[in-house]
Amino acid sequence: MVGPSTACVIGDSFYRFKAGDRFFYDILGQPGSFTPEQIKSLKKITLSHVMCTSSNLGHMQKETFRFVDHKWMSSIKV
């Protein structure tokens, strides 16, 4: 939704925020840092997983932001 220059500036900013933050969750070697095994586990967690475990939802699609046409896929419970 933005041009190439703006996309580059936004991408560079996010990179610098992450790389410059010594407390970012995947930075190793700091006091209290996660172990590589813990980071591997954390990277497996999806937004769908967080929503299911923190709410009363019975079912959740794997790709949270993907639109599902329930008329076309009537077998999916909402």
C-alpha atoms as a PDB file:
ATOM      1  CA  MET A   1       0.000   0.000   0.000  1.00  0.00           C
ATOM      2  CA  VAL A   2       3.104   2.207   0.019  1.00  0.00           C
ATOM      3  CA  GLY A   3       5.718   2.943  -2.595  1.00  0.00           C
ATOM      4  CA  PRO A   4       9.150   1.292  -2.773  1.00  0.00           C
ATOM      5  CA  SER A   5      10.965   4.134  -0.965  1.00  0.00           C
ATOM      6  CA  THR A   6       8.509   4.201   1.933  1.00  0.00           C
ATOM      7  CA  ALA A   7       8.562   0.392   2.138  1.00  0.00           C
ATOM      8  CA  CYS A   8      12.355   0.500   2.337  1.00  0.00           C
ATOM      9  CA  VAL A   9      12.288   3.119   5.129  1.00  0.00           C
ATOM     10  CA  ILE A  10       9.688   1.127   7.092  1.00  0.00           C
ATOM     11  CA  GLY A  11      11.607  -2.137   6.657  1.00  0.00           C
ATOM     12  CA  ASP A  12      14.895  -0.512   7.672  1.00  0.00           C
ATOM     13  CA  SER A  13      13.246   1.020  10.748  1.00  0.00           C
ATOM     14  CA  PHE A  14      11.853  -2.321  11.909  1.00  0.00           C
ATOM     15  CA  TYR A  15      15.258  -3.946  11.388  1.00  0.00           C
ATOM     16  CA  ARG A  16      16.982  -1.238  13.437  1.00  0.00           C
ATOM     17  CA  PHE A  17      14.381  -1.452  16.226  1.00  0.00           C
ATOM     18  CA  LYS A  18      14.959  -5.205  16.508  1.00  0.00           C
ATOM     19  CA  ALA A  19      18.754  -5.201  16.036  1.00  0.00           C
ATOM     20  CA  GLY A  20      19.214  -2.297  18.444  1.00  0.00           C
ATOM     21  CA  ASP A  21      17.078  -3.766  21.221  1.00  0.00           C
ATOM     22  CA  ARG A  22      19.275  -5.895  23.473  1.00  0.00           C
ATOM     23  CA  PHE A  23      16.159  -7.166  25.239  1.00  0.00           C
ATOM     24  CA  PHE A  24      14.465  -8.467  22.071  1.00  0.00           C
ATOM     25  CA  TYR A  25      13.349 -12.030  22.751  1.00  0.00           C
ATOM     26  CA  ASP A  26      15.731 -13.780  20.318  1.00  0.00           C
ATOM     27  CA  ILE A  27      18.959 -12.030  21.370  1.00  0.00           C
ATOM     28  CA  LEU A  28      21.268 -14.602  22.975  1.00  0.00           C
ATOM     29  CA  GLY A  29      23.941 -14.077  25.612  1.00  0.00           C
ATOM     30  CA  GLN A  30      22.153 -11.537  27.807  1.00  0.00           C
ATOM     31  CA  PRO A  31      21.205 -12.207  31.435  1.00  0.00           C
ATOM     32  CA  GLY A  32      17.736 -13.777  31.339  1.00  0.00           C
ATOM     33  CA  SER A  33      17.905 -14.574  27.611  1.00  0.00           C
ATOM     34  CA  PHE A  34      15.910 -17.496  26.287  1.00  0.00           C
ATOM     35  CA  THR A  35      17.817 -20.659  25.445  1.00  0.00           C
ATOM     36  CA  PRO A  36      17.950 -21.715  21.760  1.00  0.00           C
ATOM     37  CA  GLU A  37      15.436 -24.492  22.547  1.00  0.00           C
ATOM     38  CA  GLN A  38      13.031 -21.984  24.123  1.00  0.00           C
ATOM     39  CA  ILE A  39      13.342 -19.668  21.120  1.00  0.00           C
ATOM     40  CA  LYS A  40      12.605 -22.579  18.788  1.00  0.00           C
ATOM     41  CA  SER A  41       9.448 -23.308  20.813  1.00  0.00           C
ATOM     42  CA  LEU A  42       8.404 -19.653  20.813  1.00  0.00           C
ATOM     43  CA  LYS A  43       8.739 -19.412  17.036  1.00  0.00           C
ATOM     44  CA  LYS A  44       6.247 -22.274  16.626  1.00  0.00           C
ATOM     45  CA  ILE A  45       3.485 -20.316  18.391  1.00  0.00           C
ATOM     46  CA  THR A  46       0.948 -18.741  16.033  1.00  0.00           C
ATOM     47  CA  LEU A  47      -1.648 -16.036  16.542  1.00  0.00           C
ATOM     48  CA  SER A  48      -4.303 -18.721  16.173  1.00  0.00           C
ATOM     49  CA  HIS A  49      -2.708 -20.638  19.068  1.00  0.00           C
ATOM     50  CA  VAL A  50      -2.649 -17.520  21.272  1.00  0.00           C
ATOM     51  CA  MET A  51      -6.290 -16.739  20.475  1.00  0.00           C
ATOM     52  CA  CYS A  52      -7.409 -20.304  21.213  1.00  0.00           C
ATOM     53  CA  THR A  53      -5.577 -20.548  24.524  1.00  0.00           C
ATOM     54  CA  SER A  54      -6.638 -17.109  25.756  1.00  0.00           C
ATOM     55  CA  SER A  55     -10.332 -17.256  24.856  1.00  0.00           C
ATOM     56  CA  ASN A  56     -13.325 -19.580  24.794  1.00  0.00           C
ATOM     57  CA  LEU A  57     -13.069 -20.324  21.078  1.00  0.00           C
ATOM     58  CA  GLY A  58     -13.817 -23.910  20.200  1.00  0.00           C
ATOM     59  CA  HIS A  59     -12.297 -23.832  16.729  1.00  0.00           C
ATOM     60  CA  MET A  60      -9.859 -21.542  14.964  1.00  0.00           C
ATOM     61  CA  GLN A  61      -8.441 -21.687  11.464  1.00  0.00           C
ATOM     62  CA  LYS A  62      -4.678 -22.074  11.197  1.00  0.00           C
ATOM     63  CA  GLU A  63      -4.187 -18.926   9.102  1.00  0.00           C
ATOM     64  CA  THR A  64      -5.865 -16.351  11.332  1.00  0.00           C
ATOM     65  CA  PHE A  65      -6.088 -13.474   8.859  1.00  0.00           C
ATOM     66  CA  ARG A  66      -7.241 -15.507   5.865  1.00  0.00           C
ATOM     67  CA  PHE A  67     -10.887 -14.967   4.925  1.00  0.00           C
ATOM     68  CA  VAL A  68     -12.975 -18.117   4.936  1.00  0.00           C
ATOM     69  CA  ASP A  69     -16.199 -18.174   2.943  1.00  0.00           C
ATOM     70  CA  HIS A  70     -18.407 -20.309   5.204  1.00  0.00           C
ATOM     71  CA  LYS A  71     -21.011 -20.725   2.456  1.00  0.00           C
ATOM     72  CA  TRP A  72     -18.355 -22.428   0.337  1.00  0.00           C
ATOM     73  CA  MET A  73     -16.873 -24.395   3.258  1.00  0.00           C
ATOM     74  CA  SER A  74     -20.007 -25.208   5.241  1.00  0.00           C
ATOM     75  CA  SER A  75     -18.346 -28.033   7.189  1.00  0.00           C
ATOM     76  CA  ILE A  76     -16.207 -25.622   9.231  1.00  0.00           C
ATOM     77  CA  LYS A  77     -17.669 -24.724  12.635  1.00  0.00           C
ATOM     78  CA  VAL A  78     -17.612 -21.048  13.533  1.00  0.00           C
END
